[in-house]
N, C-alpha and C. Protein backbone atom coordinates (compact mmCIF):
# COMPACT_ATOMS: atom_id res chain seq x y z
N MET A 1 140.79 114.71 -129.23
CA MET A 1 140.08 113.65 -128.56
C MET A 1 140.79 113.25 -127.27
N SER A 2 142.12 113.29 -127.31
CA SER A 2 142.88 112.89 -126.13
C SER A 2 142.68 113.90 -124.99
N ARG A 3 142.44 115.17 -125.37
CA ARG A 3 142.18 116.17 -124.34
C ARG A 3 140.87 115.86 -123.61
N ILE A 4 139.87 115.41 -124.29
CA ILE A 4 138.58 115.07 -123.69
C ILE A 4 138.77 113.88 -122.74
N ILE A 5 139.51 112.89 -123.16
CA ILE A 5 139.74 111.71 -122.31
C ILE A 5 140.51 112.12 -121.05
N VAL A 6 141.52 112.98 -121.20
CA VAL A 6 142.29 113.45 -120.06
C VAL A 6 141.39 114.24 -119.12
N ALA A 7 140.51 115.08 -119.66
CA ALA A 7 139.60 115.88 -118.84
C ALA A 7 138.63 114.98 -118.08
N VAL A 8 138.08 113.96 -118.74
CA VAL A 8 137.15 113.04 -118.10
C VAL A 8 137.87 112.28 -116.98
N LEU A 9 139.09 111.82 -117.26
CA LEU A 9 139.85 111.10 -116.24
C LEU A 9 140.19 112.01 -115.05
N LEU A 10 140.50 113.26 -115.33
CA LEU A 10 140.80 114.21 -114.27
C LEU A 10 139.57 114.46 -113.39
N VAL A 11 138.42 114.65 -114.02
CA VAL A 11 137.17 114.85 -113.27
C VAL A 11 136.85 113.61 -112.44
N ALA A 12 137.02 112.43 -113.01
CA ALA A 12 136.76 111.19 -112.29
C ALA A 12 137.70 111.05 -111.10
N ALA A 13 138.97 111.40 -111.28
CA ALA A 13 139.94 111.31 -110.19
C ALA A 13 139.59 112.29 -109.08
N LEU A 14 139.21 113.51 -109.45
CA LEU A 14 138.82 114.49 -108.45
C LEU A 14 137.57 114.06 -107.69
N PHE A 15 136.61 113.52 -108.40
CA PHE A 15 135.38 113.04 -107.78
C PHE A 15 135.69 111.90 -106.81
N GLY A 16 136.51 110.96 -107.24
CA GLY A 16 136.90 109.83 -106.38
C GLY A 16 137.62 110.30 -105.13
N THR A 17 138.51 111.27 -105.29
CA THR A 17 139.23 111.82 -104.15
C THR A 17 138.26 112.50 -103.19
N GLY A 18 137.31 113.24 -103.72
CA GLY A 18 136.31 113.91 -102.89
C GLY A 18 135.46 112.92 -102.11
N VAL A 19 135.05 111.84 -102.77
CA VAL A 19 134.25 110.82 -102.08
C VAL A 19 135.06 110.17 -100.97
N ALA A 20 136.31 109.85 -101.25
CA ALA A 20 137.17 109.23 -100.23
C ALA A 20 137.38 110.19 -99.06
N PHE A 21 137.61 111.46 -99.33
CA PHE A 21 137.80 112.45 -98.29
C PHE A 21 136.54 112.59 -97.44
N TYR A 22 135.38 112.58 -98.07
CA TYR A 22 134.11 112.67 -97.36
C TYR A 22 133.93 111.48 -96.41
N ARG A 23 134.26 110.28 -96.89
CA ARG A 23 134.12 109.08 -96.05
C ARG A 23 135.04 109.15 -94.83
N VAL A 24 136.23 109.64 -95.03
CA VAL A 24 137.17 109.76 -93.91
C VAL A 24 136.61 110.74 -92.89
N LEU A 25 136.11 111.88 -93.35
CA LEU A 25 135.58 112.88 -92.43
C LEU A 25 134.30 112.42 -91.75
N SER A 26 133.47 111.67 -92.45
CA SER A 26 132.21 111.24 -91.85
C SER A 26 132.43 110.17 -90.79
N ASP A 27 133.57 109.47 -90.83
CA ASP A 27 133.89 108.48 -89.80
C ASP A 27 134.42 109.12 -88.53
N VAL A 28 134.86 110.36 -88.61
CA VAL A 28 135.37 111.05 -87.43
C VAL A 28 134.17 111.50 -86.60
N ALA A 29 134.20 111.19 -85.31
CA ALA A 29 133.09 111.58 -84.43
C ALA A 29 133.07 113.10 -84.29
N PRO A 30 131.89 113.70 -84.42
CA PRO A 30 131.81 115.15 -84.28
C PRO A 30 132.13 115.56 -82.85
N ALA A 31 132.84 116.63 -82.71
CA ALA A 31 133.17 117.14 -81.39
C ALA A 31 131.95 117.84 -80.80
N SER A 32 131.72 117.63 -79.54
CA SER A 32 130.59 118.25 -78.87
C SER A 32 130.88 119.73 -78.64
N THR A 33 129.90 120.55 -78.95
CA THR A 33 130.03 121.99 -78.72
C THR A 33 129.30 122.42 -77.46
N ASP A 34 128.65 121.46 -76.78
CA ASP A 34 127.95 121.78 -75.55
C ASP A 34 128.96 122.09 -74.45
N ARG A 35 128.65 123.13 -73.71
CA ARG A 35 129.48 123.47 -72.56
C ARG A 35 128.81 122.87 -71.33
N PRO A 36 129.45 121.90 -70.71
CA PRO A 36 128.81 121.31 -69.53
C PRO A 36 128.77 122.31 -68.39
N LEU A 37 127.70 122.25 -67.65
CA LEU A 37 127.58 123.10 -66.47
C LEU A 37 128.18 122.37 -65.28
N ALA A 38 128.66 123.14 -64.35
CA ALA A 38 129.15 122.55 -63.12
C ALA A 38 127.96 121.96 -62.38
N ASN A 39 128.22 120.96 -61.58
CA ASN A 39 127.16 120.36 -60.79
C ASN A 39 127.43 120.71 -59.33
N GLU A 40 127.18 121.98 -59.01
CA GLU A 40 127.47 122.51 -57.68
C GLU A 40 126.52 121.89 -56.64
N VAL A 41 126.90 122.02 -55.40
CA VAL A 41 126.04 121.59 -54.31
C VAL A 41 125.71 122.80 -53.45
N ALA A 42 124.57 122.73 -52.79
CA ALA A 42 124.13 123.80 -51.89
C ALA A 42 123.45 123.16 -50.70
N THR A 43 123.51 123.83 -49.58
CA THR A 43 122.83 123.36 -48.38
C THR A 43 121.47 124.04 -48.29
N VAL A 44 120.43 123.21 -48.25
CA VAL A 44 119.06 123.71 -48.15
C VAL A 44 118.37 122.94 -47.04
N LYS A 45 117.93 123.67 -46.02
CA LYS A 45 117.25 123.07 -44.87
C LYS A 45 118.10 121.96 -44.23
N GLY A 46 119.41 122.22 -44.15
CA GLY A 46 120.30 121.28 -43.49
C GLY A 46 120.80 120.12 -44.34
N ARG A 47 120.36 120.04 -45.58
CA ARG A 47 120.80 118.96 -46.47
C ARG A 47 121.65 119.53 -47.59
N THR A 48 122.78 118.89 -47.84
CA THR A 48 123.61 119.28 -48.98
C THR A 48 123.11 118.51 -50.18
N MET A 49 122.78 119.23 -51.25
CA MET A 49 122.21 118.58 -52.43
C MET A 49 122.58 119.31 -53.71
N THR A 50 122.43 118.58 -54.81
CA THR A 50 122.63 119.15 -56.14
C THR A 50 121.28 119.64 -56.65
N CYS A 51 121.31 120.27 -57.80
CA CYS A 51 120.07 120.74 -58.41
C CYS A 51 119.14 119.57 -58.72
N ALA A 52 119.70 118.49 -59.24
CA ALA A 52 118.88 117.32 -59.58
C ALA A 52 118.26 116.68 -58.34
N GLU A 53 118.96 116.74 -57.22
CA GLU A 53 118.40 116.20 -55.98
C GLU A 53 117.31 117.11 -55.43
N LEU A 54 117.50 118.40 -55.56
CA LEU A 54 116.51 119.36 -55.09
C LEU A 54 115.27 119.36 -55.97
N LEU A 55 115.49 119.28 -57.27
CA LEU A 55 114.38 119.34 -58.24
C LEU A 55 114.37 118.06 -59.07
N PRO A 56 113.95 116.94 -58.49
CA PRO A 56 114.01 115.67 -59.21
C PRO A 56 113.09 115.60 -60.43
N ASP A 57 112.08 116.47 -60.48
CA ASP A 57 111.18 116.48 -61.64
C ASP A 57 111.76 117.21 -62.84
N GLY A 58 112.90 117.81 -62.69
CA GLY A 58 113.51 118.46 -63.83
C GLY A 58 114.38 119.64 -63.45
N CYS A 59 115.66 119.43 -63.56
CA CYS A 59 116.60 120.52 -63.36
C CYS A 59 117.07 120.91 -64.76
N THR A 60 116.34 121.81 -65.38
CA THR A 60 116.64 122.22 -66.75
C THR A 60 117.97 122.96 -66.80
N PHE A 61 118.43 123.24 -68.00
CA PHE A 61 119.68 123.97 -68.17
C PHE A 61 119.61 125.30 -67.43
N ASP A 62 118.51 126.03 -67.58
CA ASP A 62 118.36 127.34 -66.93
C ASP A 62 118.36 127.21 -65.41
N LEU A 63 117.67 126.19 -64.90
CA LEU A 63 117.64 126.01 -63.45
C LEU A 63 119.00 125.56 -62.92
N GLN A 64 119.70 124.71 -63.67
CA GLN A 64 121.04 124.28 -63.26
C GLN A 64 121.98 125.48 -63.23
N PHE A 65 121.88 126.33 -64.24
CA PHE A 65 122.71 127.54 -64.29
C PHE A 65 122.43 128.42 -63.07
N ALA A 66 121.15 128.62 -62.77
CA ALA A 66 120.76 129.45 -61.63
C ALA A 66 121.21 128.80 -60.32
N PHE A 67 121.05 127.51 -60.21
CA PHE A 67 121.46 126.80 -58.99
C PHE A 67 122.97 126.92 -58.79
N ASP A 68 123.73 126.75 -59.85
CA ASP A 68 125.19 126.86 -59.75
C ASP A 68 125.60 128.28 -59.37
N ARG A 69 124.85 129.25 -59.83
CA ARG A 69 125.20 130.66 -59.59
C ARG A 69 124.73 131.16 -58.22
N TRP A 70 123.51 130.80 -57.82
CA TRP A 70 122.91 131.36 -56.61
C TRP A 70 122.54 130.33 -55.55
N GLY A 71 122.92 129.09 -55.74
CA GLY A 71 122.53 128.03 -54.82
C GLY A 71 122.93 128.26 -53.38
N ASP A 72 124.06 128.93 -53.16
CA ASP A 72 124.51 129.17 -51.79
C ASP A 72 123.51 130.00 -50.98
N GLY A 73 122.67 130.75 -51.63
CA GLY A 73 121.69 131.58 -50.93
C GLY A 73 120.33 130.92 -50.75
N LEU A 74 120.17 129.70 -51.25
CA LEU A 74 118.85 129.06 -51.19
C LEU A 74 118.38 128.82 -49.76
N ASN A 75 119.28 128.45 -48.87
CA ASN A 75 118.88 128.17 -47.49
C ASN A 75 118.26 129.41 -46.85
N ALA A 76 118.91 130.54 -47.00
CA ALA A 76 118.37 131.79 -46.45
C ALA A 76 117.08 132.19 -47.16
N PHE A 77 117.02 131.94 -48.46
CA PHE A 77 115.82 132.31 -49.24
C PHE A 77 114.60 131.53 -48.78
N VAL A 78 114.71 130.20 -48.68
CA VAL A 78 113.53 129.40 -48.32
C VAL A 78 113.14 129.62 -46.85
N ALA A 79 114.07 130.14 -46.03
CA ALA A 79 113.75 130.45 -44.64
C ALA A 79 113.18 131.86 -44.48
N SER A 80 113.21 132.66 -45.54
CA SER A 80 112.72 134.04 -45.47
C SER A 80 111.20 134.08 -45.51
N ASP A 81 110.66 135.28 -45.34
CA ASP A 81 109.21 135.45 -45.34
C ASP A 81 108.68 135.46 -46.76
N LEU A 82 108.16 134.33 -47.19
CA LEU A 82 107.61 134.19 -48.54
C LEU A 82 106.09 134.34 -48.54
N GLY A 83 105.55 134.88 -47.45
CA GLY A 83 104.11 135.10 -47.37
C GLY A 83 103.39 133.85 -46.92
N PRO A 84 102.12 133.97 -46.58
CA PRO A 84 101.35 132.82 -46.10
C PRO A 84 101.29 131.67 -47.11
N TRP A 85 101.09 131.99 -48.37
CA TRP A 85 101.05 130.94 -49.41
C TRP A 85 102.41 130.29 -49.56
N GLY A 86 103.45 131.09 -49.57
CA GLY A 86 104.80 130.57 -49.73
C GLY A 86 105.25 129.71 -48.58
N ARG A 87 104.82 130.03 -47.36
CA ARG A 87 105.17 129.21 -46.20
C ARG A 87 104.57 127.82 -46.31
N GLY A 88 103.47 127.69 -47.04
CA GLY A 88 102.83 126.39 -47.20
C GLY A 88 103.43 125.52 -48.30
N LEU A 89 104.33 126.10 -49.09
CA LEU A 89 104.95 125.33 -50.18
C LEU A 89 106.08 124.46 -49.65
N PRO A 90 106.26 123.28 -50.21
CA PRO A 90 107.46 122.49 -49.87
C PRO A 90 108.72 123.23 -50.33
N VAL A 91 109.86 122.78 -49.84
CA VAL A 91 111.13 123.44 -50.13
C VAL A 91 111.44 123.49 -51.62
N ALA A 92 111.27 122.38 -52.31
CA ALA A 92 111.65 122.31 -53.74
C ALA A 92 110.89 123.32 -54.60
N PRO A 93 109.55 123.38 -54.53
CA PRO A 93 108.85 124.38 -55.34
C PRO A 93 109.20 125.82 -54.95
N ALA A 94 109.42 126.06 -53.67
CA ALA A 94 109.80 127.41 -53.23
C ALA A 94 111.17 127.78 -53.79
N ALA A 95 112.11 126.84 -53.71
CA ALA A 95 113.46 127.09 -54.24
C ALA A 95 113.41 127.31 -55.75
N LYS A 96 112.59 126.52 -56.43
CA LYS A 96 112.48 126.66 -57.89
C LYS A 96 111.93 128.04 -58.26
N LEU A 97 110.94 128.50 -57.55
CA LEU A 97 110.40 129.85 -57.82
C LEU A 97 111.48 130.90 -57.60
N GLY A 98 112.28 130.74 -56.56
CA GLY A 98 113.36 131.69 -56.31
C GLY A 98 114.40 131.69 -57.42
N LEU A 99 114.78 130.51 -57.88
CA LEU A 99 115.76 130.41 -58.97
C LEU A 99 115.20 131.00 -60.26
N GLU A 100 113.91 130.75 -60.52
CA GLU A 100 113.29 131.33 -61.71
C GLU A 100 113.21 132.85 -61.61
N ALA A 101 112.96 133.35 -60.41
CA ALA A 101 112.94 134.81 -60.21
C ALA A 101 114.32 135.38 -60.48
N CYS A 102 115.36 134.71 -60.00
CA CYS A 102 116.73 135.20 -60.23
C CYS A 102 117.09 135.16 -61.71
N ASN A 103 116.71 134.09 -62.39
CA ASN A 103 116.97 134.02 -63.84
C ASN A 103 116.30 135.17 -64.56
N THR A 104 115.07 135.46 -64.20
CA THR A 104 114.33 136.55 -64.84
C THR A 104 114.96 137.90 -64.49
N ALA A 105 115.25 138.10 -63.21
CA ALA A 105 115.80 139.38 -62.76
C ALA A 105 117.19 139.65 -63.32
N SER A 106 117.92 138.60 -63.66
CA SER A 106 119.29 138.79 -64.16
C SER A 106 119.33 139.29 -65.60
N MET A 107 118.20 139.26 -66.28
CA MET A 107 118.14 139.77 -67.66
C MET A 107 117.76 141.25 -67.62
N PRO A 108 118.56 142.09 -68.25
CA PRO A 108 118.31 143.53 -68.22
C PRO A 108 116.89 143.87 -68.68
N GLY A 109 116.25 144.74 -67.91
CA GLY A 109 114.92 145.22 -68.27
C GLY A 109 113.79 144.32 -67.85
N ARG A 110 114.08 143.15 -67.31
CA ARG A 110 113.01 142.23 -66.90
C ARG A 110 112.49 142.62 -65.52
N THR A 111 111.18 142.49 -65.35
CA THR A 111 110.53 142.86 -64.11
C THR A 111 109.65 141.72 -63.64
N TYR A 112 108.91 141.98 -62.57
CA TYR A 112 107.97 141.00 -62.05
C TYR A 112 106.98 140.57 -63.14
N LEU A 113 106.66 141.48 -64.04
CA LEU A 113 105.69 141.16 -65.09
C LEU A 113 106.17 140.02 -65.99
N GLU A 114 107.47 139.86 -66.15
CA GLU A 114 108.00 138.72 -66.92
C GLU A 114 108.15 137.47 -66.05
N PHE A 115 108.32 137.66 -64.75
CA PHE A 115 108.43 136.51 -63.84
C PHE A 115 107.10 135.81 -63.63
N GLU A 116 106.04 136.57 -63.53
CA GLU A 116 104.74 135.99 -63.20
C GLU A 116 104.31 134.87 -64.16
N PRO A 117 104.40 135.04 -65.48
CA PRO A 117 104.01 133.93 -66.37
C PRO A 117 104.90 132.69 -66.19
N VAL A 118 106.16 132.90 -65.89
CA VAL A 118 107.07 131.77 -65.66
C VAL A 118 106.63 131.02 -64.40
N ALA A 119 106.30 131.75 -63.36
CA ALA A 119 105.88 131.14 -62.10
C ALA A 119 104.55 130.41 -62.25
N ARG A 120 103.67 130.92 -63.11
CA ARG A 120 102.35 130.32 -63.28
C ARG A 120 102.37 129.01 -64.06
N VAL A 121 103.49 128.68 -64.69
CA VAL A 121 103.59 127.39 -65.38
C VAL A 121 103.36 126.26 -64.36
N ASP A 122 104.03 126.34 -63.22
CA ASP A 122 103.89 125.31 -62.18
C ASP A 122 102.80 125.64 -61.17
N HIS A 123 102.42 126.90 -61.09
CA HIS A 123 101.44 127.33 -60.09
C HIS A 123 100.36 128.20 -60.75
N PRO A 124 99.54 127.60 -61.61
CA PRO A 124 98.56 128.40 -62.37
C PRO A 124 97.51 129.08 -61.50
N GLY A 125 97.24 128.56 -60.34
CA GLY A 125 96.22 129.16 -59.48
C GLY A 125 96.74 130.21 -58.53
N ALA A 126 98.05 130.42 -58.53
CA ALA A 126 98.65 131.40 -57.61
C ALA A 126 98.31 132.82 -58.04
N SER A 127 98.00 133.65 -57.07
CA SER A 127 97.67 135.04 -57.36
C SER A 127 98.93 135.90 -57.34
N THR A 128 98.80 137.12 -57.82
CA THR A 128 99.91 138.06 -57.81
C THR A 128 100.43 138.29 -56.40
N PRO A 129 99.56 138.53 -55.39
CA PRO A 129 100.08 138.71 -54.03
C PRO A 129 100.78 137.46 -53.47
N GLU A 130 100.42 136.29 -53.96
CA GLU A 130 101.07 135.07 -53.49
C GLU A 130 102.45 134.89 -54.13
N LEU A 131 102.61 135.32 -55.38
CA LEU A 131 103.88 135.14 -56.08
C LEU A 131 104.87 136.27 -55.85
N TYR A 132 104.37 137.47 -55.56
CA TYR A 132 105.27 138.62 -55.44
C TYR A 132 106.35 138.46 -54.36
N PRO A 133 106.06 137.86 -53.20
CA PRO A 133 107.14 137.69 -52.21
C PRO A 133 108.33 136.88 -52.74
N PHE A 134 108.09 135.96 -53.64
CA PHE A 134 109.19 135.19 -54.22
C PHE A 134 110.09 136.10 -55.06
N TRP A 135 109.48 136.96 -55.83
CA TRP A 135 110.24 137.92 -56.64
C TRP A 135 111.03 138.86 -55.73
N ASN A 136 110.34 139.41 -54.74
CA ASN A 136 110.95 140.38 -53.85
C ASN A 136 112.10 139.76 -53.03
N GLN A 137 111.86 138.63 -52.40
CA GLN A 137 112.87 138.00 -51.57
C GLN A 137 114.03 137.46 -52.40
N ALA A 138 113.76 136.98 -53.60
CA ALA A 138 114.85 136.51 -54.46
C ALA A 138 115.79 137.64 -54.78
N ARG A 139 115.24 138.80 -55.10
CA ARG A 139 116.08 139.95 -55.45
C ARG A 139 116.79 140.54 -54.24
N GLU A 140 116.24 140.34 -53.03
CA GLU A 140 116.89 140.85 -51.83
C GLU A 140 117.87 139.87 -51.20
N ILE A 141 117.57 138.57 -51.26
CA ILE A 141 118.35 137.57 -50.54
C ILE A 141 119.14 136.65 -51.47
N LEU A 142 118.44 136.08 -52.44
CA LEU A 142 119.06 135.03 -53.27
C LEU A 142 120.01 135.58 -54.32
N CYS A 143 119.61 136.62 -55.00
CA CYS A 143 120.45 137.16 -56.08
C CYS A 143 120.39 138.69 -56.09
N PRO A 144 120.86 139.33 -55.02
CA PRO A 144 120.73 140.79 -54.96
C PRO A 144 121.49 141.55 -56.04
N ALA A 145 122.55 140.95 -56.56
CA ALA A 145 123.33 141.64 -57.59
C ALA A 145 122.86 141.27 -58.99
N GLY A 146 121.86 140.41 -59.10
CA GLY A 146 121.35 140.02 -60.41
C GLY A 146 122.04 138.94 -61.05
């Protein structure tokens, strides 16, 4: 009988220790595993700006990554020949299309066919001939090495 009492007390002690250990660990703030992106600046049309300043409607993680990586080429990209439709776009949408083209082109095996649906999210009425200069100029000027 004493063995049963000792076993019950041992189980109770272990359970109590486990609960106490859990409470101590749950009070510790979890460490963040997010890797912050740099907040680089780039000169576009004579203005030095961050991604959030260039794209105030949303500088997503992917766009911030692209901006940090290829932002230095944005000025030359938006000044390049983006076709008649592209010349009519404001700087921010043109730059965003270029960054999206670079993000797409940097993934092995991706082509214009994968870029077009991404571009049509913001520009559903744009035709293939209107969007192709963004793909072409991005790969030649903005992110030639991918």
